[in-house]
Amino acid sequence: MKPARTPDQQRPMRADARRNYDRLVATARVAFQEQGADASLDDIAKRAGVGSGTLYRHFPHRDALLAAVIGDSIDALHARSRELLATDDPAAALEAWMRATITHAGTYRGLAATLMSSMYDEGSPLHSSCKRAHAAGAELLKRAQESDRVRPEVDAADLFRLITAVAWAAEQSPESEDTAERLLPLVFDGLRTTGTARQARQAKPAPQD
């Protein structure tokens, strides 16, 4: 399932319109990588060699363009959640999903905050993608809780707040990947039931000199 489609995408495009659409998505992907999710839409249109009117016909607002840019990544994240649901260790599966989601949310500077706000905005083209991720996280969380590996009072909304917090902290750090890798185990220890948190720490090998 792809992100919600704009009215312009719901009918077949002419060949020139399809070329403009693809060029805008490709250009936006580069601009978001360079400048973050708040990159100027007018600048994206200019770099793609089209007018701003053409951009807004395809993508009425920023979330519509972001949804098109990250659509494949959302699909990959959903597929990963399906794979993890079939694994034997529910707690490890949940932690792996949280890591993958943090990586996704950190694709572009500012994306984590945009996704968090879109979760509560039914009018956003990103909303359906966020709800899919929320549902996947809820399934993995329930499985971990049923195995008595994660605290029962935690809910899926808590997971997304924690994921957003780690992704935001990582994007503010000059060593973002290292920051996320250091913070996630700390966060996940807080989600574990007391006994399993202690066992997980004891099971970790001692650091090598």
N, C-alpha and C. Protein backbone atom coordinates (compact mmCIF):
# COMPACT_ATOMS: atom_id res chain seq x y z
N MET A 1 0.85 -1.21 0.00
CA MET A 1 0.00 0.00 0.00
C MET A 1 0.87 1.24 0.00
N LYS A 2 0.68 2.07 -1.00
CA LYS A 2 1.45 3.31 -1.12
C LYS A 2 0.81 4.42 -0.30
N PRO A 3 1.58 5.52 -0.04
CA PRO A 3 0.99 6.65 0.66
C PRO A 3 -0.20 7.22 -0.10
N ALA A 4 -1.07 7.95 0.61
CA ALA A 4 -2.24 8.54 -0.01
C ALA A 4 -1.86 9.34 -1.25
N ARG A 5 -2.62 9.15 -2.31
CA ARG A 5 -2.27 9.78 -3.57
C ARG A 5 -3.03 11.10 -3.74
N THR A 6 -2.37 12.05 -4.37
CA THR A 6 -2.99 13.33 -4.62
C THR A 6 -3.97 13.17 -5.77
N PRO A 7 -4.94 14.12 -5.91
CA PRO A 7 -5.90 14.02 -7.00
C PRO A 7 -5.23 13.89 -8.36
N ASP A 8 -4.09 14.57 -8.54
CA ASP A 8 -3.40 14.52 -9.83
C ASP A 8 -2.86 13.13 -10.12
N GLN A 9 -2.58 12.33 -9.05
CA GLN A 9 -2.03 11.00 -9.24
C GLN A 9 -3.12 9.95 -9.44
N GLN A 10 -4.38 10.29 -9.18
CA GLN A 10 -5.45 9.31 -9.23
C GLN A 10 -5.96 9.08 -10.64
N ARG A 11 -5.50 9.81 -11.59
CA ARG A 11 -5.86 9.56 -12.98
C ARG A 11 -4.57 9.41 -13.77
N PRO A 12 -4.62 8.68 -14.89
CA PRO A 12 -3.40 8.49 -15.69
C PRO A 12 -2.79 9.82 -16.12
N MET A 13 -1.47 9.92 -16.05
CA MET A 13 -0.78 11.15 -16.45
C MET A 13 -0.33 11.07 -17.90
N ARG A 14 -0.31 12.22 -18.54
CA ARG A 14 0.32 12.30 -19.85
C ARG A 14 1.81 12.05 -19.67
N ALA A 15 2.46 11.71 -20.76
CA ALA A 15 3.89 11.38 -20.69
C ALA A 15 4.70 12.55 -20.15
N ASP A 16 4.38 13.78 -20.59
CA ASP A 16 5.15 14.92 -20.11
C ASP A 16 4.88 15.20 -18.63
N ALA A 17 3.64 14.98 -18.21
CA ALA A 17 3.31 15.16 -16.79
C ALA A 17 4.03 14.13 -15.93
N ARG A 18 4.11 12.89 -16.42
CA ARG A 18 4.83 11.85 -15.69
C ARG A 18 6.31 12.18 -15.58
N ARG A 19 6.88 12.71 -16.65
CA ARG A 19 8.30 13.10 -16.60
C ARG A 19 8.50 14.20 -15.55
N ASN A 20 7.62 15.18 -15.53
CA ASN A 20 7.74 16.25 -14.55
C ASN A 20 7.59 15.72 -13.12
N TYR A 21 6.64 14.82 -12.94
CA TYR A 21 6.41 14.22 -11.61
C TYR A 21 7.67 13.50 -11.14
N ASP A 22 8.21 12.64 -12.01
CA ASP A 22 9.40 11.87 -11.63
C ASP A 22 10.59 12.78 -11.38
N ARG A 23 10.72 13.83 -12.19
CA ARG A 23 11.84 14.76 -12.01
C ARG A 23 11.72 15.51 -10.69
N LEU A 24 10.50 15.90 -10.34
CA LEU A 24 10.28 16.60 -9.07
C LEU A 24 10.60 15.71 -7.87
N VAL A 25 10.18 14.45 -7.93
CA VAL A 25 10.46 13.53 -6.83
C VAL A 25 11.96 13.30 -6.69
N ALA A 26 12.64 13.08 -7.81
CA ALA A 26 14.09 12.85 -7.76
C ALA A 26 14.82 14.08 -7.24
N THR A 27 14.41 15.26 -7.69
CA THR A 27 15.05 16.50 -7.24
C THR A 27 14.77 16.75 -5.76
N ALA A 28 13.54 16.49 -5.34
CA ALA A 28 13.19 16.68 -3.93
C ALA A 28 13.99 15.75 -3.04
N ARG A 29 14.22 14.53 -3.49
CA ARG A 29 15.00 13.58 -2.69
C ARG A 29 16.40 14.14 -2.41
N VAL A 30 17.01 14.73 -3.43
CA VAL A 30 18.34 15.32 -3.26
C VAL A 30 18.27 16.56 -2.36
N ALA A 31 17.27 17.41 -2.60
CA ALA A 31 17.14 18.64 -1.81
C ALA A 31 16.88 18.34 -0.33
N PHE A 32 16.04 17.35 -0.06
CA PHE A 32 15.77 16.99 1.34
C PHE A 32 17.02 16.42 1.99
N GLN A 33 17.80 15.69 1.23
CA GLN A 33 19.05 15.15 1.78
C GLN A 33 20.02 16.28 2.12
N GLU A 34 20.07 17.28 1.27
CA GLU A 34 21.00 18.39 1.48
C GLU A 34 20.52 19.38 2.54
N GLN A 35 19.22 19.68 2.50
CA GLN A 35 18.70 20.79 3.30
C GLN A 35 17.68 20.38 4.37
N GLY A 36 17.30 19.13 4.39
CA GLY A 36 16.30 18.68 5.34
C GLY A 36 14.90 18.75 4.77
N ALA A 37 13.93 18.27 5.56
CA ALA A 37 12.55 18.19 5.10
C ALA A 37 11.91 19.55 4.88
N ASP A 38 12.55 20.62 5.34
CA ASP A 38 12.01 21.97 5.16
C ASP A 38 12.60 22.68 3.95
N ALA A 39 13.26 21.94 3.08
CA ALA A 39 13.83 22.55 1.87
C ALA A 39 12.76 23.32 1.09
N SER A 40 13.17 24.41 0.48
CA SER A 40 12.24 25.28 -0.25
C SER A 40 11.60 24.52 -1.43
N LEU A 41 10.27 24.52 -1.48
CA LEU A 41 9.57 23.87 -2.59
C LEU A 41 9.78 24.64 -3.89
N ASP A 42 9.83 25.97 -3.81
CA ASP A 42 10.08 26.76 -5.01
C ASP A 42 11.47 26.46 -5.57
N ASP A 43 12.44 26.28 -4.68
CA ASP A 43 13.79 25.94 -5.12
C ASP A 43 13.82 24.55 -5.76
N ILE A 44 13.05 23.62 -5.21
CA ILE A 44 12.98 22.28 -5.80
C ILE A 44 12.41 22.36 -7.21
N ALA A 45 11.36 23.14 -7.38
CA ALA A 45 10.76 23.30 -8.71
C ALA A 45 11.78 23.89 -9.68
N LYS A 46 12.50 24.91 -9.24
CA LYS A 46 13.50 25.56 -10.09
C LYS A 46 14.59 24.57 -10.49
N ARG A 47 15.08 23.79 -9.51
CA ARG A 47 16.14 22.83 -9.79
C ARG A 47 15.66 21.71 -10.71
N ALA A 48 14.36 21.40 -10.64
CA ALA A 48 13.79 20.36 -11.51
C ALA A 48 13.48 20.88 -12.91
N GLY A 49 13.60 22.19 -13.09
CA GLY A 49 13.36 22.78 -14.40
C GLY A 49 11.90 22.96 -14.74
N VAL A 50 11.06 23.09 -13.69
CA VAL A 50 9.63 23.32 -13.93
C VAL A 50 9.19 24.53 -13.11
N GLY A 51 8.01 25.03 -13.40
CA GLY A 51 7.47 26.15 -12.64
C GLY A 51 6.90 25.69 -11.31
N SER A 52 6.78 26.63 -10.38
CA SER A 52 6.20 26.30 -9.08
C SER A 52 4.76 25.79 -9.23
N GLY A 53 4.04 26.33 -10.21
CA GLY A 53 2.66 25.87 -10.44
C GLY A 53 2.60 24.40 -10.79
N THR A 54 3.58 23.93 -11.56
CA THR A 54 3.63 22.51 -11.91
C THR A 54 3.87 21.66 -10.66
N LEU A 55 4.77 22.12 -9.80
CA LEU A 55 5.02 21.37 -8.56
C LEU A 55 3.74 21.29 -7.74
N TYR A 56 3.04 22.40 -7.56
CA TYR A 56 1.87 22.41 -6.69
C TYR A 56 0.67 21.68 -7.32
N ARG A 57 0.65 21.53 -8.64
CA ARG A 57 -0.40 20.72 -9.25
C ARG A 57 -0.21 19.25 -8.88
N HIS A 58 1.04 18.81 -8.87
CA HIS A 58 1.33 17.43 -8.50
C HIS A 58 1.29 17.23 -6.99
N PHE A 59 1.81 18.20 -6.25
CA PHE A 59 1.96 18.08 -4.79
C PHE A 59 1.42 19.36 -4.14
N PRO A 60 0.15 19.37 -3.75
CA PRO A 60 -0.47 20.60 -3.23
C PRO A 60 0.22 21.19 -2.01
N HIS A 61 0.92 20.34 -1.24
CA HIS A 61 1.67 20.86 -0.10
C HIS A 61 2.84 19.93 0.20
N ARG A 62 3.67 20.33 1.13
CA ARG A 62 4.94 19.66 1.41
C ARG A 62 4.75 18.18 1.76
N ASP A 63 3.74 17.87 2.58
CA ASP A 63 3.56 16.48 2.99
C ASP A 63 3.29 15.57 1.81
N ALA A 64 2.62 16.09 0.78
CA ALA A 64 2.35 15.27 -0.40
C ALA A 64 3.65 14.91 -1.12
N LEU A 65 4.56 15.87 -1.20
CA LEU A 65 5.85 15.61 -1.83
C LEU A 65 6.68 14.66 -0.98
N LEU A 66 6.69 14.87 0.32
CA LEU A 66 7.42 13.97 1.21
C LEU A 66 6.88 12.54 1.11
N ALA A 67 5.55 12.40 1.03
CA ALA A 67 4.96 11.07 0.93
C ALA A 67 5.43 10.35 -0.33
N ALA A 68 5.55 11.10 -1.43
CA ALA A 68 6.03 10.49 -2.67
C ALA A 68 7.51 10.11 -2.57
N VAL A 69 8.29 10.96 -1.91
CA VAL A 69 9.73 10.72 -1.80
C VAL A 69 10.04 9.51 -0.92
N ILE A 70 9.31 9.35 0.18
CA ILE A 70 9.64 8.28 1.13
C ILE A 70 8.75 7.04 0.97
N GLY A 71 7.92 7.02 -0.06
CA GLY A 71 6.99 5.90 -0.24
C GLY A 71 7.66 4.54 -0.26
N ASP A 72 8.76 4.41 -1.01
CA ASP A 72 9.46 3.12 -1.09
C ASP A 72 10.04 2.73 0.26
N SER A 73 10.55 3.72 0.99
CA SER A 73 11.11 3.46 2.30
C SER A 73 10.05 2.99 3.28
N ILE A 74 8.86 3.58 3.20
CA ILE A 74 7.74 3.17 4.04
C ILE A 74 7.37 1.72 3.74
N ASP A 75 7.32 1.37 2.46
CA ASP A 75 6.99 0.00 2.08
C ASP A 75 8.04 -0.98 2.61
N ALA A 76 9.31 -0.60 2.53
CA ALA A 76 10.39 -1.46 3.02
C ALA A 76 10.28 -1.64 4.54
N LEU A 77 9.93 -0.57 5.25
CA LEU A 77 9.77 -0.65 6.69
C LEU A 77 8.61 -1.57 7.06
N HIS A 78 7.53 -1.49 6.30
CA HIS A 78 6.39 -2.36 6.56
C HIS A 78 6.77 -3.83 6.31
N ALA A 79 7.50 -4.08 5.22
CA ALA A 79 7.93 -5.45 4.94
C ALA A 79 8.84 -5.97 6.05
N ARG A 80 9.69 -5.11 6.57
CA ARG A 80 10.57 -5.51 7.66
C ARG A 80 9.77 -5.89 8.90
N SER A 81 8.71 -5.17 9.18
CA SER A 81 7.89 -5.49 10.35
C SER A 81 7.24 -6.86 10.19
N ARG A 82 6.83 -7.22 8.95
CA ARG A 82 6.25 -8.54 8.69
C ARG A 82 7.29 -9.63 8.95
N GLU A 83 8.52 -9.39 8.51
CA GLU A 83 9.58 -10.36 8.74
C GLU A 83 9.83 -10.55 10.23
N LEU A 84 9.86 -9.46 10.98
CA LEU A 84 10.18 -9.53 12.40
C LEU A 84 9.08 -10.22 13.20
N LEU A 85 7.84 -10.12 12.74
CA LEU A 85 6.75 -10.80 13.42
C LEU A 85 6.89 -12.32 13.35
N ALA A 86 7.67 -12.79 12.40
CA ALA A 86 7.84 -14.24 12.22
C ALA A 86 9.07 -14.78 12.96
N THR A 87 9.81 -13.91 13.65
CA THR A 87 11.03 -14.36 14.35
C THR A 87 10.69 -14.90 15.73
N ASP A 88 11.67 -15.59 16.34
CA ASP A 88 11.43 -16.31 17.59
C ASP A 88 11.55 -15.46 18.85
N ASP A 89 12.26 -14.34 18.80
CA ASP A 89 12.49 -13.54 20.00
C ASP A 89 11.69 -12.24 19.91
N PRO A 90 10.54 -12.16 20.59
CA PRO A 90 9.68 -10.97 20.45
C PRO A 90 10.34 -9.68 20.90
N ALA A 91 11.15 -9.73 21.96
CA ALA A 91 11.79 -8.51 22.43
C ALA A 91 12.84 -8.04 21.44
N ALA A 92 13.65 -8.96 20.92
CA ALA A 92 14.66 -8.60 19.93
C ALA A 92 14.00 -8.08 18.66
N ALA A 93 12.85 -8.65 18.30
CA ALA A 93 12.13 -8.19 17.11
C ALA A 93 11.65 -6.76 17.29
N LEU A 94 11.11 -6.46 18.46
CA LEU A 94 10.63 -5.10 18.72
C LEU A 94 11.78 -4.10 18.70
N GLU A 95 12.89 -4.46 19.31
CA GLU A 95 14.05 -3.56 19.32
C GLU A 95 14.58 -3.34 17.91
N ALA A 96 14.61 -4.41 17.10
CA ALA A 96 15.07 -4.28 15.71
C ALA A 96 14.14 -3.39 14.91
N TRP A 97 12.83 -3.52 15.15
CA TRP A 97 11.87 -2.66 14.45
C TRP A 97 12.05 -1.20 14.87
N MET A 98 12.26 -0.96 16.16
CA MET A 98 12.48 0.41 16.62
C MET A 98 13.74 0.99 15.96
N ARG A 99 14.78 0.19 15.85
CA ARG A 99 16.02 0.66 15.21
C ARG A 99 15.75 1.02 13.75
N ALA A 100 15.02 0.15 13.03
CA ALA A 100 14.72 0.42 11.63
C ALA A 100 13.86 1.67 11.47
N THR A 101 12.92 1.86 12.39
CA THR A 101 12.04 3.03 12.32
C THR A 101 12.78 4.32 12.64
N ILE A 102 13.70 4.25 13.59
CA ILE A 102 14.53 5.42 13.90
C ILE A 102 15.39 5.79 12.69
N THR A 103 15.94 4.77 12.03
CA THR A 103 16.75 5.03 10.82
C THR A 103 15.89 5.69 9.75
N HIS A 104 14.67 5.18 9.56
CA HIS A 104 13.76 5.76 8.57
C HIS A 104 13.42 7.21 8.93
N ALA A 105 13.07 7.45 10.20
CA ALA A 105 12.68 8.79 10.63
C ALA A 105 13.83 9.78 10.53
N GLY A 106 15.05 9.26 10.56
CA GLY A 106 16.22 10.13 10.46
C GLY A 106 16.76 10.29 9.06
N THR A 107 16.00 9.84 8.05
CA THR A 107 16.46 9.93 6.67
C THR A 107 16.80 11.38 6.29
N TYR A 108 15.94 12.30 6.68
CA TYR A 108 16.15 13.72 6.40
C TYR A 108 15.98 14.52 7.69
N ARG A 109 16.77 15.55 7.84
CA ARG A 109 16.63 16.42 9.00
C ARG A 109 15.20 16.98 9.04
N GLY A 110 14.56 16.88 10.17
CA GLY A 110 13.21 17.40 10.33
C GLY A 110 12.11 16.40 10.00
N LEU A 111 12.47 15.25 9.43
CA LEU A 111 11.44 14.28 9.04
C LEU A 111 10.76 13.66 10.27
N ALA A 112 11.52 13.39 11.31
CA ALA A 112 10.95 12.75 12.50
C ALA A 112 9.81 13.60 13.07
N ALA A 113 10.03 14.89 13.21
CA ALA A 113 8.99 15.77 13.75
C ALA A 113 7.80 15.84 12.82
N THR A 114 8.05 15.85 11.50
CA THR A 114 6.96 15.89 10.53
C THR A 114 6.10 14.64 10.62
N LEU A 115 6.75 13.48 10.73
CA LEU A 115 6.00 12.23 10.84
C LEU A 115 5.18 12.18 12.12
N MET A 116 5.76 12.67 13.20
CA MET A 116 5.04 12.65 14.47
C MET A 116 3.78 13.51 14.39
N SER A 117 3.89 14.70 13.80
CA SER A 117 2.72 15.57 13.70
C SER A 117 1.69 15.00 12.72
N SER A 118 2.17 14.31 11.68
CA SER A 118 1.26 13.73 10.68
C SER A 118 0.45 12.57 11.25
N MET A 119 0.99 11.93 12.29
CA MET A 119 0.26 10.85 12.94
C MET A 119 -1.10 11.32 13.44
N TYR A 120 -1.18 12.60 13.84
CA TYR A 120 -2.41 13.14 14.42
C TYR A 120 -3.16 14.06 13.44
N ASP A 121 -2.70 14.10 12.19
CA ASP A 121 -3.33 14.97 11.19
C ASP A 121 -3.89 14.10 10.07
N GLU A 122 -5.18 13.80 10.15
CA GLU A 122 -5.81 12.91 9.17
C GLU A 122 -5.81 13.50 7.77
N GLY A 123 -5.62 14.80 7.65
CA GLY A 123 -5.60 15.43 6.34
C GLY A 123 -4.24 15.36 5.66
N SER A 124 -3.22 14.90 6.37
CA SER A 124 -1.88 14.83 5.79
C SER A 124 -1.73 13.58 4.91
N PRO A 125 -1.12 13.72 3.72
CA PRO A 125 -0.84 12.54 2.90
C PRO A 125 0.10 11.55 3.58
N LEU A 126 0.79 11.98 4.61
CA LEU A 126 1.67 11.08 5.37
C LEU A 126 0.92 10.30 6.44
N HIS A 127 -0.32 10.68 6.71
CA HIS A 127 -1.05 10.08 7.84
C HIS A 127 -1.23 8.58 7.68
N SER A 128 -1.62 8.12 6.50
CA SER A 128 -1.86 6.69 6.32
C SER A 128 -0.58 5.88 6.51
N SER A 129 0.55 6.43 6.05
CA SER A 129 1.83 5.74 6.25
C SER A 129 2.18 5.66 7.73
N CYS A 130 1.93 6.75 8.44
CA CYS A 130 2.20 6.76 9.88
C CYS A 130 1.31 5.76 10.61
N LYS A 131 0.06 5.66 10.20
CA LYS A 131 -0.85 4.71 10.84
C LYS A 131 -0.42 3.27 10.56
N ARG A 132 0.09 3.01 9.37
CA ARG A 132 0.60 1.67 9.06
C ARG A 132 1.76 1.33 9.98
N ALA A 133 2.67 2.26 10.15
CA ALA A 133 3.81 2.03 11.03
C ALA A 133 3.35 1.86 12.47
N HIS A 134 2.38 2.66 12.88
CA HIS A 134 1.83 2.57 14.23
C HIS A 134 1.24 1.18 14.47
N ALA A 135 0.48 0.68 13.49
CA ALA A 135 -0.14 -0.64 13.63
C ALA A 135 0.91 -1.74 13.70
N ALA A 136 1.95 -1.63 12.89
CA ALA A 136 3.02 -2.62 12.91
C ALA A 136 3.73 -2.63 14.26
N GLY A 137 4.02 -1.44 14.77
CA GLY A 137 4.65 -1.34 16.07
C GLY A 137 3.78 -1.91 17.18
N ALA A 138 2.47 -1.68 17.08
CA ALA A 138 1.54 -2.19 18.09
C ALA A 138 1.54 -3.72 18.10
N GLU A 139 1.59 -4.33 16.92
CA GLU A 139 1.63 -5.80 16.84
C GLU A 139 2.90 -6.35 17.49
N LEU A 140 4.03 -5.76 17.16
CA LEU A 140 5.31 -6.22 17.71
C LEU A 140 5.36 -5.98 19.23
N LEU A 141 4.82 -4.86 19.66
CA LEU A 141 4.79 -4.56 21.09
C LEU A 141 3.92 -5.57 21.84
N LYS A 142 2.73 -5.85 21.32
CA LYS A 142 1.82 -6.79 21.97
C LYS A 142 2.48 -8.16 22.11
N ARG A 143 3.18 -8.58 21.06
CA ARG A 143 3.85 -9.88 21.09
C ARG A 143 4.93 -9.92 22.17
N ALA A 144 5.69 -8.83 22.29
CA ALA A 144 6.74 -8.77 23.31
C ALA A 144 6.15 -8.73 24.71
N GLN A 145 5.03 -8.04 24.85
CA GLN A 145 4.38 -7.97 26.16
C GLN A 145 3.78 -9.32 26.55
N GLU A 146 3.23 -10.03 25.58
CA GLU A 146 2.64 -11.34 25.88
C GLU A 146 3.70 -12.36 26.29
N SER A 147 4.95 -12.11 25.88
CA SER A 147 6.04 -13.00 26.29
C SER A 147 6.66 -12.53 27.61
N ASP A 148 6.05 -11.50 28.22
CA ASP A 148 6.52 -10.94 29.49
C ASP A 148 7.93 -10.37 29.38
N ARG A 149 8.25 -9.82 28.21
CA ARG A 149 9.57 -9.24 28.00
C ARG A 149 9.56 -7.72 28.03
N VAL A 150 8.38 -7.14 27.86
CA VAL A 150 8.24 -5.68 27.84
C VAL A 150 7.12 -5.29 28.80
N ARG A 151 7.32 -4.18 29.48
CA ARG A 151 6.38 -3.71 30.50
C ARG A 151 4.96 -3.56 29.93
N PRO A 152 3.96 -4.05 30.66
CA PRO A 152 2.59 -4.08 30.13
C PRO A 152 1.94 -2.70 29.97
N GLU A 153 2.42 -1.69 30.69
CA GLU A 153 1.77 -0.38 30.62
C GLU A 153 2.21 0.44 29.40
N VAL A 154 3.21 -0.03 28.67
CA VAL A 154 3.68 0.68 27.48
C VAL A 154 2.67 0.49 26.35
N ASP A 155 2.38 1.55 25.59
CA ASP A 155 1.52 1.40 24.42
C ASP A 155 2.24 1.90 23.17
N ALA A 156 1.61 1.70 22.01
CA ALA A 156 2.25 2.04 20.74
C ALA A 156 2.56 3.52 20.62
N ALA A 157 1.69 4.36 21.21
CA ALA A 157 1.96 5.80 21.18
C ALA A 157 3.25 6.13 21.93
N ASP A 158 3.50 5.41 23.03
CA ASP A 158 4.76 5.60 23.75
C ASP A 158 5.95 5.28 22.85
N LEU A 159 5.83 4.18 22.12
CA LEU A 159 6.93 3.78 21.22
C LEU A 159 7.26 4.90 20.24
N PHE A 160 6.21 5.50 19.65
CA PHE A 160 6.46 6.53 18.65
C PHE A 160 7.05 7.79 19.25
N ARG A 161 6.65 8.10 20.46
CA ARG A 161 7.26 9.26 21.12
C ARG A 161 8.74 9.00 21.39
N LEU A 162 9.05 7.79 21.83
CA LEU A 162 10.45 7.45 22.10
C LEU A 162 11.27 7.40 20.81
N ILE A 163 10.70 6.82 19.77
CA ILE A 163 11.39 6.76 18.48
C ILE A 163 11.67 8.16 17.96
N THR A 164 10.66 9.04 18.03
CA THR A 164 10.84 10.42 17.58
C THR A 164 11.91 11.12 18.39
N ALA A 165 11.91 10.89 19.71
CA ALA A 165 12.90 11.54 20.57
C ALA A 165 14.32 11.10 20.22
N VAL A 166 14.51 9.81 20.00
CA VAL A 166 15.85 9.32 19.65
C VAL A 166 16.26 9.84 18.27
N ALA A 167 15.34 9.79 17.30
CA ALA A 167 15.66 10.28 15.95
C ALA A 167 15.99 11.77 15.98
N TRP A 168 15.23 12.55 16.76
CA TRP A 168 15.49 13.99 16.86
C TRP A 168 16.85 14.24 17.51
N ALA A 169 17.16 13.52 18.61
CA ALA A 169 18.45 13.69 19.27
C ALA A 169 19.59 13.33 18.33
N ALA A 170 19.39 12.29 17.53
CA ALA A 170 20.44 11.87 16.60
C ALA A 170 20.67 12.91 15.51
N GLU A 171 19.59 13.50 15.01
CA GLU A 171 19.77 14.48 13.93
C GLU A 171 20.42 15.77 14.41
N GLN A 172 20.32 16.03 15.72
CA GLN A 172 20.96 17.21 16.28
C GLN A 172 22.44 16.96 16.63
N SER A 173 22.86 15.72 16.54
CA SER A 173 24.23 15.36 16.90
C SER A 173 25.10 15.28 15.66
N PRO A 174 26.37 15.72 15.73
CA PRO A 174 27.27 15.61 14.58
C PRO A 174 27.61 14.16 14.25
N GLU A 175 27.40 13.25 15.20
CA GLU A 175 27.64 11.83 14.98
C GLU A 175 26.32 11.11 15.15
N SER A 176 25.39 11.37 14.24
CA SER A 176 24.01 10.95 14.41
C SER A 176 23.84 9.43 14.52
N GLU A 177 24.51 8.66 13.67
CA GLU A 177 24.35 7.21 13.71
C GLU A 177 24.82 6.66 15.05
N ASP A 178 25.94 7.14 15.54
CA ASP A 178 26.46 6.67 16.82
C ASP A 178 25.52 7.06 17.96
N THR A 179 24.94 8.24 17.87
CA THR A 179 24.01 8.69 18.91
C THR A 179 22.81 7.77 19.01
N ALA A 180 22.20 7.44 17.87
CA ALA A 180 21.04 6.56 17.89
C ALA A 180 21.40 5.18 18.43
N GLU A 181 22.56 4.66 18.02
CA GLU A 181 22.98 3.34 18.48
C GLU A 181 23.25 3.31 19.98
N ARG A 182 23.68 4.42 20.54
CA ARG A 182 23.92 4.48 21.98
C ARG A 182 22.63 4.68 22.77
N LEU A 183 21.71 5.47 22.23
CA LEU A 183 20.49 5.78 22.95
C LEU A 183 19.46 4.65 22.91
N LEU A 184 19.35 3.95 21.78
CA LEU A 184 18.30 2.94 21.68
C LEU A 184 18.40 1.85 22.74
N PRO A 185 19.58 1.27 23.02
CA PRO A 185 19.64 0.26 24.09
C PRO A 185 19.23 0.82 25.45
N LEU A 186 19.56 2.06 25.71
CA LEU A 186 19.15 2.68 26.98
C LEU A 186 17.63 2.81 27.04
N VAL A 187 17.04 3.25 25.94
CA VAL A 187 15.59 3.39 25.88
C VAL A 187 14.93 2.02 26.02
N PHE A 188 15.47 1.03 25.31
CA PHE A 188 14.82 -0.28 25.33
C PHE A 188 14.94 -0.96 26.69
N ASP A 189 16.03 -0.71 27.40
CA ASP A 189 16.15 -1.23 28.76
C ASP A 189 15.01 -0.69 29.64
N GLY A 190 14.60 0.53 29.37
CA GLY A 190 13.50 1.12 30.14
C GLY A 190 12.15 0.50 29.81
N LEU A 191 12.05 -0.13 28.62
CA LEU A 191 10.81 -0.78 28.22
C LEU A 191 10.70 -2.20 28.75
N ARG A 192 11.83 -2.82 29.00
CA ARG A 192 11.81 -4.21 29.44
C ARG A 192 11.22 -4.34 30.84
N THR A 193 10.66 -5.52 31.10
CA THR A 193 10.29 -5.83 32.47
C THR A 193 11.58 -5.90 33.28
N THR A 194 11.50 -5.66 34.57
CA THR A 194 12.70 -5.50 35.40
C THR A 194 13.65 -6.69 35.28
N GLY A 195 13.12 -7.90 35.37
CA GLY A 195 13.97 -9.08 35.32
C GLY A 195 14.66 -9.24 33.98
N THR A 196 13.93 -9.02 32.88
CA THR A 196 14.53 -9.21 31.56
C THR A 196 15.55 -8.13 31.26
N ALA A 197 15.36 -6.92 31.79
CA ALA A 197 16.36 -5.87 31.60
C ALA A 197 17.68 -6.27 32.24
N ARG A 198 17.57 -6.81 33.47
CA ARG A 198 18.78 -7.23 34.16
C ARG A 198 19.45 -8.39 33.42
N GLN A 199 18.65 -9.36 32.96
CA GLN A 199 19.22 -10.50 32.24
C GLN A 199 19.88 -10.07 30.93
N ALA A 200 19.26 -9.12 30.23
CA ALA A 200 19.83 -8.65 28.97
C ALA A 200 21.18 -7.99 29.18
N ARG A 201 21.28 -7.17 30.25
CA ARG A 201 22.56 -6.52 30.53
C ARG A 201 23.62 -7.55 30.89
N GLN A 202 23.25 -8.56 31.69
CA GLN A 202 24.22 -9.58 32.11
C GLN A 202 24.66 -10.45 30.95
N ALA A 203 23.78 -10.60 29.95
CA ALA A 203 24.10 -11.45 28.81
C ALA A 203 25.03 -10.78 27.82
N LYS A 204 25.17 -9.45 27.89
CA LYS A 204 26.03 -8.74 26.95
C LYS A 204 27.49 -9.04 27.26
N PRO A 205 28.30 -9.35 26.22
CA PRO A 205 29.71 -9.63 26.48
C PRO A 205 30.44 -8.41 27.01
N ALA A 206 31.45 -8.66 27.82
CA ALA A 206 32.26 -7.56 28.35
C ALA A 206 32.99 -6.87 27.21
N PRO A 207 33.12 -5.54 27.24
CA PRO A 207 33.83 -4.82 26.17
C PRO A 207 35.28 -5.25 26.10
N GLN A 208 35.77 -5.32 24.87
CA GLN A 208 37.15 -5.72 24.64
C GLN A 208 38.08 -4.52 24.75
N ASP A 209 39.26 -4.73 25.32
CA ASP A 209 40.24 -3.64 25.43
C ASP A 209 40.85 -3.36 24.06
